[in-house]
């Protein structure tokens, strides 16, 4: 069985957190040693492979404002079936301080792109003060 409940949380123009649900033990074909994450940079066609011993991984090698897809498989003796493709786009570089942004993702398979998730809203952090407090 392939991993399910996959989420991509875009944290910045270069950083993304990938998370998924553990495969139920009755569906294992042996002890899961790690997970393989195949990533494709759609803007260039480059492909990357990452591994994770857990059901989450923080990756920070992406390009700002690029489109990516990824798919995940559990590895016992060999790689199991891969999940459906999940697509995401990294954020623009140079986000404005203390500004509200929205992002959403959609799964993609050989049959096309699925519905996009609900928008997730986040606000960038404020900057450090330019002067010390005046009392």
C-alpha atoms as a PDB file:
ATOM      1  CA  UNK A   1       0.000   0.000   0.000  1.00  0.00           C
ATOM      2  CA  UNK A   2       1.286   3.487  -0.790  1.00  0.00           C
ATOM      3  CA  UNK A   3       1.464   6.360   1.724  1.00  0.00           C
ATOM      4  CA  UNK A   4      -1.706   8.455   2.052  1.00  0.00           C
ATOM      5  CA  UNK A   5      -2.738  11.727   3.687  1.00  0.00           C
ATOM      6  CA  UNK A   6       0.168  13.516   2.066  1.00  0.00           C
ATOM      7  CA  UNK A   7       0.608  17.210   2.776  1.00  0.00           C
ATOM      8  CA  UNK A   8       3.123  19.738   1.486  1.00  0.00           C
ATOM      9  CA  UNK A   9       3.505  22.819   3.651  1.00  0.00           C
ATOM     10  CA  UNK A  10       5.361  25.539   1.771  1.00  0.00           C
ATOM     11  CA  UNK A  11       7.371  27.498   4.337  1.00  0.00           C
ATOM     12  CA  UNK A  12       9.332  29.838   2.074  1.00  0.00           C
ATOM     13  CA  UNK A  13      10.752  30.194  -1.407  1.00  0.00           C
ATOM     14  CA  UNK A  14      13.246  27.412  -0.696  1.00  0.00           C
ATOM     15  CA  UNK A  15      11.792  25.340   2.167  1.00  0.00           C
ATOM     16  CA  UNK A  16       8.927  22.820   2.225  1.00  0.00           C
ATOM     17  CA  UNK A  17       7.725  20.396   4.920  1.00  0.00           C
ATOM     18  CA  UNK A  18       6.346  17.104   3.571  1.00  0.00           C
ATOM     19  CA  UNK A  19       4.185  14.930   5.852  1.00  0.00           C
ATOM     20  CA  UNK A  20       2.106  11.781   5.362  1.00  0.00           C
ATOM     21  CA  UNK A  21       0.202   9.209   7.389  1.00  0.00           C
ATOM     22  CA  UNK A  22       1.989   6.040   8.491  1.00  0.00           C
ATOM     23  CA  UNK A  23       0.953   2.892   6.657  1.00  0.00           C
ATOM     24  CA  UNK A  24      -1.160   0.684   8.905  1.00  0.00           C
ATOM     25  CA  UNK A  25       0.936  -2.297  10.141  1.00  0.00           C
ATOM     26  CA  UNK A  26      -1.433  -4.858   8.601  1.00  0.00           C
ATOM     27  CA  UNK A  27      -0.618  -3.344   5.182  1.00  0.00           C
ATOM     28  CA  UNK A  28       3.184  -3.572   5.582  1.00  0.00           C
ATOM     29  CA  UNK A  29       5.058  -6.044   3.421  1.00  0.00           C
ATOM     30  CA  UNK A  30       7.780  -6.254   6.080  1.00  0.00           C
ATOM     31  CA  UNK A  31       9.478  -3.726   8.329  1.00  0.00           C
ATOM     32  CA  UNK A  32       9.496  -0.231   6.837  1.00  0.00           C
ATOM     33  CA  UNK A  33      13.105   0.939   6.870  1.00  0.00           C
ATOM     34  CA  UNK A  34      12.527   4.345   5.340  1.00  0.00           C
ATOM     35  CA  UNK A  35      10.514   6.247   2.752  1.00  0.00           C
ATOM     36  CA  UNK A  36      11.628   7.319  -0.729  1.00  0.00           C
ATOM     37  CA  UNK A  37      10.514  10.739  -1.921  1.00  0.00           C
ATOM     38  CA  UNK A  38      10.840  11.346  -5.677  1.00  0.00           C
ATOM     39  CA  UNK A  39      10.681  15.045  -6.498  1.00  0.00           C
ATOM     40  CA  UNK A  40      10.430  16.609  -9.953  1.00  0.00           C
ATOM     41  CA  UNK A  41      11.160  20.276 -10.575  1.00  0.00           C
ATOM     42  CA  UNK A  42       8.580  20.994 -13.290  1.00  0.00           C
ATOM     43  CA  UNK A  43      10.264  24.216 -14.463  1.00  0.00           C
ATOM     44  CA  UNK A  44      13.446  22.347 -15.480  1.00  0.00           C
ATOM     45  CA  UNK A  45      12.573  18.632 -15.450  1.00  0.00           C
ATOM     46  CA  UNK A  46      15.263  17.921 -12.842  1.00  0.00           C
ATOM     47  CA  UNK A  47      14.544  15.002 -10.562  1.00  0.00           C
ATOM     48  CA  UNK A  48      15.683  14.479  -6.982  1.00  0.00           C
ATOM     49  CA  UNK A  49      15.419  11.536  -4.606  1.00  0.00           C
ATOM     50  CA  UNK A  50      15.328  12.015  -0.846  1.00  0.00           C
ATOM     51  CA  UNK A  51      14.884   9.489   1.966  1.00  0.00           C
ATOM     52  CA  UNK A  52      13.241   9.852   5.350  1.00  0.00           C
ATOM     53  CA  UNK A  53      13.169   7.406   8.271  1.00  0.00           C
ATOM     54  CA  UNK A  54       9.916   8.985   9.501  1.00  0.00           C
ATOM     55  CA  UNK A  55       6.645  10.215   7.980  1.00  0.00           C
ATOM     56  CA  UNK A  56       7.876  13.771   7.620  1.00  0.00           C
ATOM     57  CA  UNK A  57      10.825  15.557   6.102  1.00  0.00           C
ATOM     58  CA  UNK A  58      11.916  19.201   5.931  1.00  0.00           C
ATOM     59  CA  UNK A  59      13.559  20.018   2.610  1.00  0.00           C
ATOM     60  CA  UNK A  60      15.321  23.283   1.856  1.00  0.00           C
ATOM     61  CA  UNK A  61      16.854  23.090  -1.617  1.00  0.00           C
ATOM     62  CA  UNK A  62      13.985  24.422  -3.731  1.00  0.00           C
ATOM     63  CA  UNK A  63      13.956  27.434  -6.046  1.00  0.00           C
ATOM     64  CA  UNK A  64      11.587  30.340  -5.307  1.00  0.00           C
ATOM     65  CA  UNK A  65       8.379  30.429  -7.351  1.00  0.00           C
ATOM     66  CA  UNK A  66       8.993  27.031  -9.010  1.00  0.00           C
ATOM     67  CA  UNK A  67       6.463  24.223  -9.484  1.00  0.00           C
ATOM     68  CA  UNK A  68       7.216  20.749  -8.125  1.00  0.00           C
ATOM     69  CA  UNK A  69       5.591  17.343  -7.879  1.00  0.00           C
ATOM     70  CA  UNK A  70       6.515  14.532  -5.554  1.00  0.00           C
ATOM     71  CA  UNK A  71       5.488  10.974  -4.827  1.00  0.00           C
ATOM     72  CA  UNK A  72       6.357   8.757  -1.851  1.00  0.00           C
ATOM     73  CA  UNK A  73       6.939   5.001  -1.364  1.00  0.00           C
ATOM     74  CA  UNK A  74       7.676   2.947   1.747  1.00  0.00           C
ATOM     75  CA  UNK A  75      10.796   0.766   1.571  1.00  0.00           C
ATOM     76  CA  UNK A  76      10.956  -2.677   3.173  1.00  0.00           C
ATOM     77  CA  UNK A  77      13.098  -5.109   1.143  1.00  0.00           C
ATOM     78  CA  UNK A  78      12.395  -2.934  -1.892  1.00  0.00           C
ATOM     79  CA  UNK A  79      10.265   0.097  -2.667  1.00  0.00           C
ATOM     80  CA  UNK A  80       6.525  -0.424  -2.413  1.00  0.00           C
ATOM     81  CA  UNK A  81       3.925   1.254  -4.599  1.00  0.00           C
ATOM     82  CA  UNK A  82       4.252   5.020  -4.960  1.00  0.00           C
ATOM     83  CA  UNK A  83       1.582   7.451  -3.836  1.00  0.00           C
ATOM     84  CA  UNK A  84      -0.315   9.684  -6.216  1.00  0.00           C
ATOM     85  CA  UNK A  85       1.600  12.768  -7.273  1.00  0.00           C
ATOM     86  CA  UNK A  86       1.268  15.873  -5.124  1.00  0.00           C
ATOM     87  CA  UNK A  87       1.991  19.246  -6.699  1.00  0.00           C
ATOM     88  CA  UNK A  88       3.098  22.452  -4.996  1.00  0.00           C
ATOM     89  CA  UNK A  89       4.635  25.792  -5.840  1.00  0.00           C
ATOM     90  CA  UNK A  90       7.224  27.475  -3.668  1.00  0.00           C
ATOM     91  CA  UNK A  91       6.730  31.041  -2.533  1.00  0.00           C
ATOM     92  CA  UNK A  92       8.174  34.087  -4.191  1.00  0.00           C
ATOM     93  CA  UNK A  93      11.510  35.228  -2.838  1.00  0.00           C
ATOM     94  CA  UNK A  94      11.462  38.462  -0.928  1.00  0.00           C
ATOM     95  CA  UNK A  95       8.121  38.170   0.840  1.00  0.00           C
ATOM     96  CA  UNK A  96       7.014  41.372   2.485  1.00  0.00           C
ATOM     97  CA  UNK A  97       7.324  41.574   6.275  1.00  0.00           C
ATOM     98  CA  UNK A  98       4.157  41.232   8.339  1.00  0.00           C
ATOM     99  CA  UNK A  99       2.040  40.462   5.264  1.00  0.00           C
ATOM    100  CA  UNK A 100      -0.782  37.944   4.836  1.00  0.00           C
ATOM    101  CA  UNK A 101      -0.355  35.304   2.083  1.00  0.00           C
ATOM    102  CA  UNK A 102      -2.463  32.366   0.872  1.00  0.00           C
ATOM    103  CA  UNK A 103      -1.322  29.032  -0.610  1.00  0.00           C
ATOM    104  CA  UNK A 104      -3.003  25.800  -1.738  1.00  0.00           C
ATOM    105  CA  UNK A 105      -1.933  22.470  -3.265  1.00  0.00           C
ATOM    106  CA  UNK A 106      -3.433  19.767  -5.492  1.00  0.00           C
ATOM    107  CA  UNK A 107      -2.613  16.129  -6.159  1.00  0.00           C
ATOM    108  CA  UNK A 108      -1.644  15.124  -9.676  1.00  0.00           C
ATOM    109  CA  UNK A 109      -1.698  11.667 -11.269  1.00  0.00           C
ATOM    110  CA  UNK A 110      -1.524  10.258 -14.767  1.00  0.00           C
ATOM    111  CA  UNK A 111      -5.242  11.164 -15.040  1.00  0.00           C
ATOM    112  CA  UNK A 112      -4.707  14.858 -14.391  1.00  0.00           C
ATOM    113  CA  UNK A 113      -4.712  17.348 -11.544  1.00  0.00           C
ATOM    114  CA  UNK A 114      -7.162  16.883  -8.691  1.00  0.00           C
ATOM    115  CA  UNK A 115      -9.011  19.612  -6.865  1.00  0.00           C
ATOM    116  CA  UNK A 116      -6.950  22.158  -5.033  1.00  0.00           C
ATOM    117  CA  UNK A 117      -6.982  22.171  -1.251  1.00  0.00           C
ATOM    118  CA  UNK A 118      -8.613  24.944   0.692  1.00  0.00           C
ATOM    119  CA  UNK A 119      -6.474  28.033   0.904  1.00  0.00           C
ATOM    120  CA  UNK A 120      -4.118  28.111   3.856  1.00  0.00           C
ATOM    121  CA  UNK A 121      -3.394  31.574   5.151  1.00  0.00           C
ATOM    122  CA  UNK A 122      -0.204  32.649   6.872  1.00  0.00           C
ATOM    123  CA  UNK A 123       1.368  35.934   7.871  1.00  0.00           C
ATOM    124  CA  UNK A 124       5.082  36.627   7.629  1.00  0.00           C
ATOM    125  CA  UNK A 125       6.882  37.756  10.758  1.00  0.00           C
ATOM    126  CA  UNK A 126       7.373  41.361  11.742  1.00  0.00           C
ATOM    127  CA  UNK A 127      10.818  42.879  11.417  1.00  0.00           C
ATOM    128  CA  UNK A 128      13.051  43.697  14.372  1.00  0.00           C
ATOM    129  CA  UNK A 129      12.506  47.166  15.847  1.00  0.00           C
ATOM    130  CA  UNK A 130      14.545  49.943  14.258  1.00  0.00           C
ATOM    131  CA  UNK A 131      15.063  51.687  17.604  1.00  0.00           C
ATOM    132  CA  UNK A 132      15.055  50.782  21.287  1.00  0.00           C
ATOM    133  CA  UNK A 133      11.888  51.473  23.333  1.00  0.00           C
ATOM    134  CA  UNK A 134      11.531  55.054  24.525  1.00  0.00           C
ATOM    135  CA  UNK A 135      10.374  55.454  28.158  1.00  0.00           C
END
